[in-house]
Amino acid sequence: MTVICSAQGVFMLEGACPGEDAEKLLQCLASNPAAIIDIRRCESAHTAVIQVLIAFKPKLLNVPRDNPIWRWVLPSLNSQE
């Protein structure tokens, strides 16, 4: 599983997040809209996962600066990073 939800409101995306994980991420964010997403271990993300992030615009932690996907996506998220 690449989406790890925690009761404390900090969720983690890990590895290559396939499209199937978008539903799990959507459920996690819908139940906790103030959640924080830690993406330090996220290597890649399907566009469905990216769309969920854009829709909810959660705060992101530990953005990997050397991963081009986050350089492209961050402006759409209006991230605080």
Protein backbone atom coordinates (compact mmCIF):
# COMPACT_ATOMS: atom_id res chain seq x y z
CA MET A 1 0.00 0.00 0.00
CA THR A 2 1.39 3.37 -0.96
CA VAL A 3 -1.09 5.61 0.89
CA ILE A 4 -0.68 5.32 4.64
CA CYS A 5 -3.39 7.04 6.67
CA SER A 6 -2.90 7.83 10.31
CA ALA A 7 -5.37 8.81 12.99
CA GLN A 8 -3.16 11.80 13.85
CA GLY A 9 -3.92 13.48 10.52
CA VAL A 10 -0.52 13.00 8.90
CA PHE A 11 -0.72 10.77 5.85
CA MET A 12 2.19 9.39 3.86
CA LEU A 13 2.54 8.69 0.16
CA GLU A 14 5.18 6.06 -0.43
CA GLY A 15 6.83 4.58 -3.52
CA ALA A 16 5.00 4.66 -6.84
CA CYS A 17 1.38 5.61 -6.13
CA PRO A 18 -0.88 3.97 -8.75
CA GLY A 19 -4.29 5.21 -9.81
CA GLU A 20 -5.99 2.74 -7.48
CA ASP A 21 -4.58 4.68 -4.53
CA ALA A 22 -6.51 7.81 -5.48
CA GLU A 23 -9.67 6.36 -3.89
CA LYS A 24 -7.89 5.62 -0.60
CA LEU A 25 -6.32 9.09 -0.56
CA LEU A 26 -9.70 10.65 -1.34
CA GLN A 27 -11.29 8.81 1.59
CA CYS A 28 -8.47 9.84 3.94
CA LEU A 29 -8.68 13.51 2.94
CA ALA A 30 -12.47 13.59 2.93
CA SER A 31 -12.53 12.30 6.49
CA ASN A 32 -9.79 14.71 7.56
CA PRO A 33 -9.64 17.81 5.29
CA ALA A 34 -6.95 19.41 7.49
CA ALA A 35 -4.63 16.47 6.96
CA ILE A 36 -0.95 16.91 6.23
CA ILE A 37 0.63 14.77 3.52
CA ASP A 38 4.24 13.61 3.88
CA ILE A 39 5.61 12.91 0.41
CA ARG A 40 9.31 12.35 1.17
CA ARG A 41 9.08 8.71 0.05
CA CYS A 42 6.79 9.24 -2.95
CA GLU A 43 8.73 8.36 -6.10
CA SER A 44 5.87 8.89 -8.55
CA ALA A 45 2.11 9.41 -8.54
CA HIS A 46 -0.60 8.57 -11.03
CA THR A 47 -2.51 11.57 -12.34
CA ALA A 48 -5.59 10.43 -10.38
CA VAL A 49 -3.58 10.78 -7.14
CA ILE A 50 -2.35 14.20 -8.27
CA GLN A 51 -5.94 15.25 -9.02
CA VAL A 52 -7.03 14.36 -5.49
CA LEU A 53 -4.17 16.42 -4.09
CA ILE A 54 -5.10 19.37 -6.32
CA ALA A 55 -8.75 19.11 -5.28
CA PHE A 56 -8.00 19.14 -1.54
CA LYS A 57 -4.79 21.22 -1.57
CA PRO A 58 -3.42 19.70 1.65
CA LYS A 59 -0.27 20.95 3.31
CA LEU A 60 2.69 18.92 2.09
CA LEU A 61 5.67 17.92 4.21
CA ASN A 62 9.14 16.92 3.11
CA VAL A 63 8.75 17.71 -0.59
CA PRO A 64 11.58 15.97 -2.47
CA ARG A 65 13.24 18.81 -4.39
CA ASP A 66 15.07 16.44 -6.74
CA ASN A 67 11.87 14.81 -8.02
CA PRO A 68 10.58 16.60 -11.14
CA ILE A 69 6.96 15.56 -10.59
CA TRP A 70 6.69 17.76 -7.50
CA ARG A 71 8.29 20.74 -9.25
CA TRP A 72 5.49 20.50 -11.82
CA VAL A 73 2.67 19.84 -9.37
CA LEU A 74 3.50 22.21 -6.50
CA PRO A 75 2.33 25.38 -8.27
CA SER A 76 -1.11 23.80 -8.75
CA LEU A 77 -1.28 22.92 -5.08
CA ASN A 78 -0.43 26.45 -3.89
CA SER A 79 1.78 24.71 -1.38
CA GLN A 80 3.36 26.47 1.57
CA GLU A 81 6.67 24.80 0.71
